[in-house]
């Protein structure tokens, strides 16, 4: 695999932005790494960080490069600060950045596939929210999405966390439920929309995680809507040992062609 520490200017944000990228490389002599290339334009996983992290965290806390090598998949890991992947009420337009500008720029810089069937998104905690938000808002762009210990219920979470910070992100918190920032509403919209390809969804959460109850509610909501959801749970908390383990399950689950 090739590893790129990429810094670029974002027209959307009006500031310099960063992402880590790993790209498949065919090798036969590299010790300890099984690597292959699926096609010239690589299938791509956009891998999102959590609230207290940045674009470096997946490389620092997991063996994502080694895991991805066996699948011939590129991995793009952008930085979005504490934005919840949202056009912030008092801040930057990170939703426009992550849903429009970043994929276009990444594909212009690197040999990444433009096809929906080759495009996936995953993330942990805040990034799990971002992954499902992307796939459910843009089902024409993403074939599959995975949430690891995701902050899937931002309405409930905003009641437990700093309302001032959440207000800077989402605006009037009384208006979040039922909006395009509410995953429960987005799931309902996708389930009811005719003539679209619904993304495959993968959701996991440790049973000792503080977000476990929220994840159960979202799981049941998706099942009631009959969305294509794979759900897994096991003992675990909100920590990197769990996520290093589960990102391997995500890669195995992805419908890589």
C-alpha atoms as a PDB file:
ATOM      1  CA  UNK A   1       0.000   0.000   0.000  1.00  0.00           C
ATOM      2  CA  UNK A   2       0.999   3.590  -0.591  1.00  0.00           C
ATOM      3  CA  UNK A   3       0.396   6.125   2.169  1.00  0.00           C
ATOM      4  CA  UNK A   4      -0.169   9.823   1.363  1.00  0.00           C
ATOM      5  CA  UNK A   5      -0.386  12.658   3.889  1.00  0.00           C
ATOM      6  CA  UNK A   6      -2.364  15.094   1.744  1.00  0.00           C
ATOM      7  CA  UNK A   7      -2.829  18.804   2.436  1.00  0.00           C
ATOM      8  CA  UNK A   8      -4.910  20.934   0.088  1.00  0.00           C
ATOM      9  CA  UNK A   9      -6.996  24.095  -0.066  1.00  0.00           C
ATOM     10  CA  UNK A  10     -10.753  23.753   0.368  1.00  0.00           C
ATOM     11  CA  UNK A  11     -12.840  26.258  -1.561  1.00  0.00           C
ATOM     12  CA  UNK A  12     -15.849  25.254   0.573  1.00  0.00           C
ATOM     13  CA  UNK A  13     -14.144  25.854   3.917  1.00  0.00           C
ATOM     14  CA  UNK A  14     -11.928  28.701   2.772  1.00  0.00           C
ATOM     15  CA  UNK A  15      -8.955  27.182   4.595  1.00  0.00           C
ATOM     16  CA  UNK A  16      -6.336  24.498   4.086  1.00  0.00           C
ATOM     17  CA  UNK A  17      -7.630  20.984   4.823  1.00  0.00           C
ATOM     18  CA  UNK A  18      -6.048  17.572   5.379  1.00  0.00           C
ATOM     19  CA  UNK A  19      -6.623  13.905   4.672  1.00  0.00           C
ATOM     20  CA  UNK A  20      -4.693  10.685   4.923  1.00  0.00           C
ATOM     21  CA  UNK A  21      -5.015   8.351   1.944  1.00  0.00           C
ATOM     22  CA  UNK A  22      -3.873   4.766   1.475  1.00  0.00           C
ATOM     23  CA  UNK A  23      -3.818   3.310  -2.030  1.00  0.00           C
ATOM     24  CA  UNK A  24      -3.520  -0.304  -3.202  1.00  0.00           C
ATOM     25  CA  UNK A  25      -0.153  -1.339  -4.575  1.00  0.00           C
ATOM     26  CA  UNK A  26       0.544  -4.748  -6.144  1.00  0.00           C
ATOM     27  CA  UNK A  27       3.485  -6.288  -4.291  1.00  0.00           C
ATOM     28  CA  UNK A  28       4.960  -9.763  -4.122  1.00  0.00           C
ATOM     29  CA  UNK A  29       8.069  -9.213  -2.007  1.00  0.00           C
ATOM     30  CA  UNK A  30       6.873  -6.958   0.813  1.00  0.00           C
ATOM     31  CA  UNK A  31       7.249  -8.893   4.049  1.00  0.00           C
ATOM     32  CA  UNK A  32       4.152  -9.392   6.178  1.00  0.00           C
ATOM     33  CA  UNK A  33       1.680  -7.676   3.853  1.00  0.00           C
ATOM     34  CA  UNK A  34      -0.743  -9.352   1.485  1.00  0.00           C
ATOM     35  CA  UNK A  35      -1.537  -6.733  -1.149  1.00  0.00           C
ATOM     36  CA  UNK A  36      -3.564  -6.761  -4.324  1.00  0.00           C
ATOM     37  CA  UNK A  37      -5.176  -4.378  -6.803  1.00  0.00           C
ATOM     38  CA  UNK A  38      -8.771  -4.993  -7.847  1.00  0.00           C
ATOM     39  CA  UNK A  39      -8.866  -2.601 -10.820  1.00  0.00           C
ATOM     40  CA  UNK A  40      -7.168   0.494 -12.226  1.00  0.00           C
ATOM     41  CA  UNK A  41      -9.700   2.819 -10.585  1.00  0.00           C
ATOM     42  CA  UNK A  42      -9.754   1.688  -6.975  1.00  0.00           C
ATOM     43  CA  UNK A  43     -12.867   0.951  -4.934  1.00  0.00           C
ATOM     44  CA  UNK A  44     -12.831   3.456  -2.101  1.00  0.00           C
ATOM     45  CA  UNK A  45     -13.756   3.584   1.562  1.00  0.00           C
ATOM     46  CA  UNK A  46     -14.200   7.067   3.028  1.00  0.00           C
ATOM     47  CA  UNK A  47     -13.276   6.451   6.678  1.00  0.00           C
ATOM     48  CA  UNK A  48     -14.450   9.079   9.166  1.00  0.00           C
ATOM     49  CA  UNK A  49     -13.109  10.071  12.577  1.00  0.00           C
ATOM     50  CA  UNK A  50     -14.855  10.757  15.871  1.00  0.00           C
ATOM     51  CA  UNK A  51     -15.497  13.922  17.877  1.00  0.00           C
ATOM     52  CA  UNK A  52     -12.118  14.209  19.621  1.00  0.00           C
ATOM     53  CA  UNK A  53     -10.018  12.940  16.693  1.00  0.00           C
ATOM     54  CA  UNK A  54      -8.658  14.034  13.316  1.00  0.00           C
ATOM     55  CA  UNK A  55      -7.623  12.529   9.966  1.00  0.00           C
ATOM     56  CA  UNK A  56      -4.580  10.797  11.518  1.00  0.00           C
ATOM     57  CA  UNK A  57      -6.423   8.720  14.081  1.00  0.00           C
ATOM     58  CA  UNK A  58      -7.272   5.571  12.096  1.00  0.00           C
ATOM     59  CA  UNK A  59      -3.620   5.173  11.050  1.00  0.00           C
ATOM     60  CA  UNK A  60      -2.409   5.789  14.617  1.00  0.00           C
ATOM     61  CA  UNK A  61      -4.850   3.563  16.510  1.00  0.00           C
ATOM     62  CA  UNK A  62      -5.530   0.667  14.107  1.00  0.00           C
ATOM     63  CA  UNK A  63      -3.808  -1.415  11.431  1.00  0.00           C
ATOM     64  CA  UNK A  64      -6.168  -0.140   8.719  1.00  0.00           C
ATOM     65  CA  UNK A  65      -3.401  -0.089   6.092  1.00  0.00           C
ATOM     66  CA  UNK A  66      -2.599  -3.751   6.633  1.00  0.00           C
ATOM     67  CA  UNK A  67      -6.268  -4.725   6.752  1.00  0.00           C
ATOM     68  CA  UNK A  68      -7.205  -2.811   3.582  1.00  0.00           C
ATOM     69  CA  UNK A  69      -4.285  -4.202   1.565  1.00  0.00           C
ATOM     70  CA  UNK A  70      -5.840  -7.650   1.307  1.00  0.00           C
ATOM     71  CA  UNK A  71      -9.025  -6.201  -0.225  1.00  0.00           C
ATOM     72  CA  UNK A  72      -7.454  -3.937  -2.844  1.00  0.00           C
ATOM     73  CA  UNK A  73      -9.400  -0.940  -1.555  1.00  0.00           C
ATOM     74  CA  UNK A  74      -8.310   2.688  -1.206  1.00  0.00           C
ATOM     75  CA  UNK A  75      -9.079   4.432   2.081  1.00  0.00           C
ATOM     76  CA  UNK A  76      -9.630   8.201   2.345  1.00  0.00           C
ATOM     77  CA  UNK A  77      -9.543   9.673   5.860  1.00  0.00           C
ATOM     78  CA  UNK A  78     -10.450  13.408   6.021  1.00  0.00           C
ATOM     79  CA  UNK A  79     -10.429  15.871   8.926  1.00  0.00           C
ATOM     80  CA  UNK A  80     -13.637  17.714   9.850  1.00  0.00           C
ATOM     81  CA  UNK A  81     -12.922  18.883  13.429  1.00  0.00           C
ATOM     82  CA  UNK A  82     -15.958  18.703  15.808  1.00  0.00           C
ATOM     83  CA  UNK A  83     -18.480  19.476  13.072  1.00  0.00           C
ATOM     84  CA  UNK A  84     -20.678  16.352  13.101  1.00  0.00           C
ATOM     85  CA  UNK A  85     -20.241  16.373   9.316  1.00  0.00           C
ATOM     86  CA  UNK A  86     -22.703  19.268   9.165  1.00  0.00           C
ATOM     87  CA  UNK A  87     -22.899  22.732   7.644  1.00  0.00           C
ATOM     88  CA  UNK A  88     -22.520  24.317  11.061  1.00  0.00           C
ATOM     89  CA  UNK A  89     -24.905  26.978  12.308  1.00  0.00           C
ATOM     90  CA  UNK A  90     -21.869  28.888  13.624  1.00  0.00           C
ATOM     91  CA  UNK A  91     -18.872  27.540  11.778  1.00  0.00           C
ATOM     92  CA  UNK A  92     -17.746  25.952   8.549  1.00  0.00           C
ATOM     93  CA  UNK A  93     -19.755  24.108   5.877  1.00  0.00           C
ATOM     94  CA  UNK A  94     -18.423  20.655   6.611  1.00  0.00           C
ATOM     95  CA  UNK A  95     -21.429  18.828   5.140  1.00  0.00           C
ATOM     96  CA  UNK A  96     -20.885  20.473   1.753  1.00  0.00           C
ATOM     97  CA  UNK A  97     -17.172  19.738   2.119  1.00  0.00           C
ATOM     98  CA  UNK A  98     -17.574  16.037   2.942  1.00  0.00           C
ATOM     99  CA  UNK A  99     -20.478  15.254   0.590  1.00  0.00           C
ATOM    100  CA  UNK A 100     -19.419  17.258  -2.479  1.00  0.00           C
ATOM    101  CA  UNK A 101     -15.960  18.810  -2.502  1.00  0.00           C
ATOM    102  CA  UNK A 102     -13.868  16.116  -0.819  1.00  0.00           C
ATOM    103  CA  UNK A 103     -14.948  13.159  -3.034  1.00  0.00           C
ATOM    104  CA  UNK A 104     -14.417  15.244  -6.180  1.00  0.00           C
ATOM    105  CA  UNK A 105     -10.982  16.432  -5.069  1.00  0.00           C
ATOM    106  CA  UNK A 106      -9.858  12.979  -3.936  1.00  0.00           C
ATOM    107  CA  UNK A 107     -10.853  11.507  -7.305  1.00  0.00           C
ATOM    108  CA  UNK A 108      -9.002  14.280  -9.115  1.00  0.00           C
ATOM    109  CA  UNK A 109      -5.826  13.641  -7.088  1.00  0.00           C
ATOM    110  CA  UNK A 110      -5.868   9.819  -7.036  1.00  0.00           C
ATOM    111  CA  UNK A 111      -7.081   6.910  -9.234  1.00  0.00           C
ATOM    112  CA  UNK A 112     -10.348   6.325  -7.360  1.00  0.00           C
ATOM    113  CA  UNK A 113     -13.470   4.857  -8.929  1.00  0.00           C
ATOM    114  CA  UNK A 114     -16.387   7.219  -9.584  1.00  0.00           C
ATOM    115  CA  UNK A 115     -18.913   4.371  -9.586  1.00  0.00           C
ATOM    116  CA  UNK A 116     -21.479   4.041  -6.808  1.00  0.00           C
ATOM    117  CA  UNK A 117     -20.893   0.300  -6.522  1.00  0.00           C
ATOM    118  CA  UNK A 118     -17.233   0.981  -5.683  1.00  0.00           C
ATOM    119  CA  UNK A 119     -17.873   3.741  -3.133  1.00  0.00           C
ATOM    120  CA  UNK A 120     -18.332   3.102   0.594  1.00  0.00           C
ATOM    121  CA  UNK A 121     -18.237   5.095   3.827  1.00  0.00           C
ATOM    122  CA  UNK A 122     -17.628   4.122   7.455  1.00  0.00           C
ATOM    123  CA  UNK A 123     -16.820   5.830  10.712  1.00  0.00           C
ATOM    124  CA  UNK A 124     -16.730   5.604  14.481  1.00  0.00           C
ATOM    125  CA  UNK A 125     -18.824   7.559  16.995  1.00  0.00           C
ATOM    126  CA  UNK A 126     -19.363  11.005  15.407  1.00  0.00           C
ATOM    127  CA  UNK A 127     -17.974   9.421  12.238  1.00  0.00           C
ATOM    128  CA  UNK A 128     -20.600   6.686  12.428  1.00  0.00           C
ATOM    129  CA  UNK A 129     -23.210   9.424  12.358  1.00  0.00           C
ATOM    130  CA  UNK A 130     -21.415  10.997   9.404  1.00  0.00           C
ATOM    131  CA  UNK A 131     -21.207   7.699   7.515  1.00  0.00           C
ATOM    132  CA  UNK A 132     -24.924   6.960   7.830  1.00  0.00           C
ATOM    133  CA  UNK A 133     -25.765  10.594   7.097  1.00  0.00           C
ATOM    134  CA  UNK A 134     -23.800  10.434   3.847  1.00  0.00           C
ATOM    135  CA  UNK A 135     -25.256   7.131   2.688  1.00  0.00           C
ATOM    136  CA  UNK A 136     -28.852   7.955   3.625  1.00  0.00           C
ATOM    137  CA  UNK A 137     -28.684  11.511   2.221  1.00  0.00           C
ATOM    138  CA  UNK A 138     -26.826  10.484  -0.945  1.00  0.00           C
ATOM    139  CA  UNK A 139     -27.874   6.888  -1.699  1.00  0.00           C
ATOM    140  CA  UNK A 140     -27.048   7.463  -5.356  1.00  0.00           C
ATOM    141  CA  UNK A 141     -23.374   7.904  -4.383  1.00  0.00           C
ATOM    142  CA  UNK A 142     -22.746   5.189  -1.776  1.00  0.00           C
ATOM    143  CA  UNK A 143     -23.352   1.463  -2.091  1.00  0.00           C
ATOM    144  CA  UNK A 144     -22.727   0.735   1.596  1.00  0.00           C
ATOM    145  CA  UNK A 145     -22.121   2.450   4.916  1.00  0.00           C
ATOM    146  CA  UNK A 146     -20.887   1.254   8.305  1.00  0.00           C
ATOM    147  CA  UNK A 147     -21.300   2.817  11.737  1.00  0.00           C
ATOM    148  CA  UNK A 148     -19.053   1.667  14.589  1.00  0.00           C
ATOM    149  CA  UNK A 149     -20.397   2.783  17.980  1.00  0.00           C
ATOM    150  CA  UNK A 150     -22.117   5.563  16.101  1.00  0.00           C
ATOM    151  CA  UNK A 151     -23.684   8.711  17.541  1.00  0.00           C
ATOM    152  CA  UNK A 152     -26.808   7.729  15.656  1.00  0.00           C
ATOM    153  CA  UNK A 153     -29.292   9.750  17.749  1.00  0.00           C
ATOM    154  CA  UNK A 154     -28.061  13.341  17.842  1.00  0.00           C
ATOM    155  CA  UNK A 155     -31.419  14.508  19.215  1.00  0.00           C
ATOM    156  CA  UNK A 156     -30.909  12.428  22.360  1.00  0.00           C
ATOM    157  CA  UNK A 157     -27.173  13.109  22.492  1.00  0.00           C
ATOM    158  CA  UNK A 158     -27.699  16.873  22.433  1.00  0.00           C
ATOM    159  CA  UNK A 159     -29.689  16.548  25.662  1.00  0.00           C
ATOM    160  CA  UNK A 160     -26.776  14.811  27.393  1.00  0.00           C
ATOM    161  CA  UNK A 161     -23.862  16.899  26.088  1.00  0.00           C
ATOM    162  CA  UNK A 162     -22.968  20.601  26.008  1.00  0.00           C
ATOM    163  CA  UNK A 163     -26.025  22.347  24.504  1.00  0.00           C
ATOM    164  CA  UNK A 164     -23.921  25.395  23.612  1.00  0.00           C
ATOM    165  CA  UNK A 165     -21.550  23.368  21.425  1.00  0.00           C
ATOM    166  CA  UNK A 166     -24.395  21.386  19.863  1.00  0.00           C
ATOM    167  CA  UNK A 167     -26.180  24.660  19.177  1.00  0.00           C
ATOM    168  CA  UNK A 168     -23.136  25.959  17.309  1.00  0.00           C
ATOM    169  CA  UNK A 169     -23.238  22.826  15.173  1.00  0.00           C
ATOM    170  CA  UNK A 170     -26.946  22.218  14.606  1.00  0.00           C
ATOM    171  CA  UNK A 171     -28.565  25.579  15.398  1.00  0.00           C
ATOM    172  CA  UNK A 172     -31.912  25.450  17.193  1.00  0.00           C
ATOM    173  CA  UNK A 173     -31.828  22.026  18.859  1.00  0.00           C
ATOM    174  CA  UNK A 174     -35.635  21.914  18.963  1.00  0.00           C
ATOM    175  CA  UNK A 175     -35.586  21.811  15.143  1.00  0.00           C
ATOM    176  CA  UNK A 176     -33.183  18.890  14.700  1.00  0.00           C
ATOM    177  CA  UNK A 177     -35.720  16.085  15.098  1.00  0.00           C
ATOM    178  CA  UNK A 178     -37.335  15.344  11.751  1.00  0.00           C
ATOM    179  CA  UNK A 179     -34.763  17.412   9.849  1.00  0.00           C
ATOM    180  CA  UNK A 180     -32.039  16.390   7.385  1.00  0.00           C
ATOM    181  CA  UNK A 181     -29.671  16.153  10.361  1.00  0.00           C
ATOM    182  CA  UNK A 182     -31.778  13.413  12.019  1.00  0.00           C
ATOM    183  CA  UNK A 183     -30.733   9.887  10.979  1.00  0.00           C
ATOM    184  CA  UNK A 184     -34.123   8.512  11.980  1.00  0.00           C
ATOM    185  CA  UNK A 185     -35.779  10.853   9.483  1.00  0.00           C
ATOM    186  CA  UNK A 186     -33.199  10.153   6.775  1.00  0.00           C
ATOM    187  CA  UNK A 187     -33.730   6.401   7.158  1.00  0.00           C
ATOM    188  CA  UNK A 188     -37.478   6.871   6.834  1.00  0.00           C
ATOM    189  CA  UNK A 189     -37.064   9.024   3.729  1.00  0.00           C
ATOM    190  CA  UNK A 190     -34.831   6.448   2.015  1.00  0.00           C
ATOM    191  CA  UNK A 191     -37.178   3.593   2.895  1.00  0.00           C
ATOM    192  CA  UNK A 192     -40.177   5.441   1.456  1.00  0.00           C
ATOM    193  CA  UNK A 193     -38.531   6.816  -1.684  1.00  0.00           C
ATOM    194  CA  UNK A 194     -39.344   4.774  -4.759  1.00  0.00           C
ATOM    195  CA  UNK A 195     -36.990   3.973  -7.574  1.00  0.00           C
ATOM    196  CA  UNK A 196     -33.685   4.371  -5.709  1.00  0.00           C
ATOM    197  CA  UNK A 197     -31.009   1.886  -4.776  1.00  0.00           C
ATOM    198  CA  UNK A 198     -30.900   1.744  -1.008  1.00  0.00           C
ATOM    199  CA  UNK A 199     -27.420   1.525   0.524  1.00  0.00           C
ATOM    200  CA  UNK A 200     -26.464  -1.531   2.518  1.00  0.00           C
ATOM    201  CA  UNK A 201     -25.954  -0.626   6.175  1.00  0.00           C
ATOM    202  CA  UNK A 202     -23.705  -2.183   8.813  1.00  0.00           C
ATOM    203  CA  UNK A 203     -24.077  -1.166  12.463  1.00  0.00           C
ATOM    204  CA  UNK A 204     -22.200  -2.368  15.530  1.00  0.00           C
ATOM    205  CA  UNK A 205     -21.869  -1.226  19.122  1.00  0.00           C
ATOM    206  CA  UNK A 206     -20.366  -2.648  22.284  1.00  0.00           C
ATOM    207  CA  UNK A 207     -22.877  -3.584  24.967  1.00  0.00           C
ATOM    208  CA  UNK A 208     -21.007  -1.470  27.552  1.00  0.00           C
ATOM    209  CA  UNK A 209     -20.844   1.597  25.304  1.00  0.00           C
ATOM    210  CA  UNK A 210     -22.630   4.750  26.503  1.00  0.00           C
ATOM    211  CA  UNK A 211     -24.228   4.928  23.020  1.00  0.00           C
ATOM    212  CA  UNK A 212     -25.577   1.366  23.178  1.00  0.00           C
ATOM    213  CA  UNK A 213     -29.213   2.304  23.926  1.00  0.00           C
ATOM    214  CA  UNK A 214     -29.210   4.850  21.085  1.00  0.00           C
ATOM    215  CA  UNK A 215     -27.888   2.205  18.714  1.00  0.00           C
ATOM    216  CA  UNK A 216     -30.588  -0.252  19.718  1.00  0.00           C
ATOM    217  CA  UNK A 217     -33.276   2.329  18.951  1.00  0.00           C
ATOM    218  CA  UNK A 218     -31.812   3.044  15.538  1.00  0.00           C
ATOM    219  CA  UNK A 219     -31.407  -0.668  14.798  1.00  0.00           C
ATOM    220  CA  UNK A 220     -35.066  -1.295  15.601  1.00  0.00           C
ATOM    221  CA  UNK A 221     -36.099   1.737  13.524  1.00  0.00           C
ATOM    222  CA  UNK A 222     -34.222   0.417  10.465  1.00  0.00           C
ATOM    223  CA  UNK A 223     -35.659  -3.052  10.940  1.00  0.00           C
ATOM    224  CA  UNK A 224     -39.183  -1.631  11.106  1.00  0.00           C
ATOM    225  CA  UNK A 225     -38.462   0.203   7.847  1.00  0.00           C
ATOM    226  CA  UNK A 226     -37.070  -3.040   6.354  1.00  0.00           C
ATOM    227  CA  UNK A 227     -33.784  -1.435   5.356  1.00  0.00           C
ATOM    228  CA  UNK A 228     -30.866  -3.713   4.476  1.00  0.00           C
ATOM    229  CA  UNK A 229     -29.154  -3.502   7.864  1.00  0.00           C
ATOM    230  CA  UNK A 230     -26.576  -5.889   9.303  1.00  0.00           C
ATOM    231  CA  UNK A 231     -26.338  -5.394  13.062  1.00  0.00           C
ATOM    232  CA  UNK A 232     -23.724  -6.864  15.402  1.00  0.00           C
ATOM    233  CA  UNK A 233     -23.123  -6.422  19.109  1.00  0.00           C
ATOM    234  CA  UNK A 234     -20.719  -7.948  21.600  1.00  0.00           C
ATOM    235  CA  UNK A 235     -19.087  -6.937  24.875  1.00  0.00           C
ATOM    236  CA  UNK A 236     -17.139  -3.735  24.400  1.00  0.00           C
ATOM    237  CA  UNK A 237     -16.954  -0.056  25.242  1.00  0.00           C
ATOM    238  CA  UNK A 238     -16.111   3.190  23.440  1.00  0.00           C
ATOM    239  CA  UNK A 239     -12.442   2.406  22.771  1.00  0.00           C
ATOM    240  CA  UNK A 240      -9.914   1.610  20.069  1.00  0.00           C
ATOM    241  CA  UNK A 241      -9.422  -2.073  20.813  1.00  0.00           C
ATOM    242  CA  UNK A 242     -13.063  -2.587  19.864  1.00  0.00           C
ATOM    243  CA  UNK A 243     -12.851  -0.408  16.730  1.00  0.00           C
ATOM    244  CA  UNK A 244      -9.629  -2.035  15.520  1.00  0.00           C
ATOM    245  CA  UNK A 245     -11.421  -5.366  15.760  1.00  0.00           C
ATOM    246  CA  UNK A 246     -14.652  -4.227  14.104  1.00  0.00           C
ATOM    247  CA  UNK A 247     -13.127  -2.353  11.157  1.00  0.00           C
ATOM    248  CA  UNK A 248     -11.839  -5.751  10.042  1.00  0.00           C
ATOM    249  CA  UNK A 249     -15.421  -7.032  10.099  1.00  0.00           C
ATOM    250  CA  UNK A 250     -16.513  -3.990   8.088  1.00  0.00           C
ATOM    251  CA  UNK A 251     -13.938  -4.661   5.356  1.00  0.00           C
ATOM    252  CA  UNK A 252     -15.020  -8.288   5.161  1.00  0.00           C
ATOM    253  CA  UNK A 253     -18.682  -7.200   4.930  1.00  0.00           C
ATOM    254  CA  UNK A 254     -18.240  -4.557   2.229  1.00  0.00           C
ATOM    255  CA  UNK A 255     -19.613  -5.599  -1.174  1.00  0.00           C
ATOM    256  CA  UNK A 256     -16.304  -5.035  -2.970  1.00  0.00           C
ATOM    257  CA  UNK A 257     -16.651  -6.198  -6.547  1.00  0.00           C
END
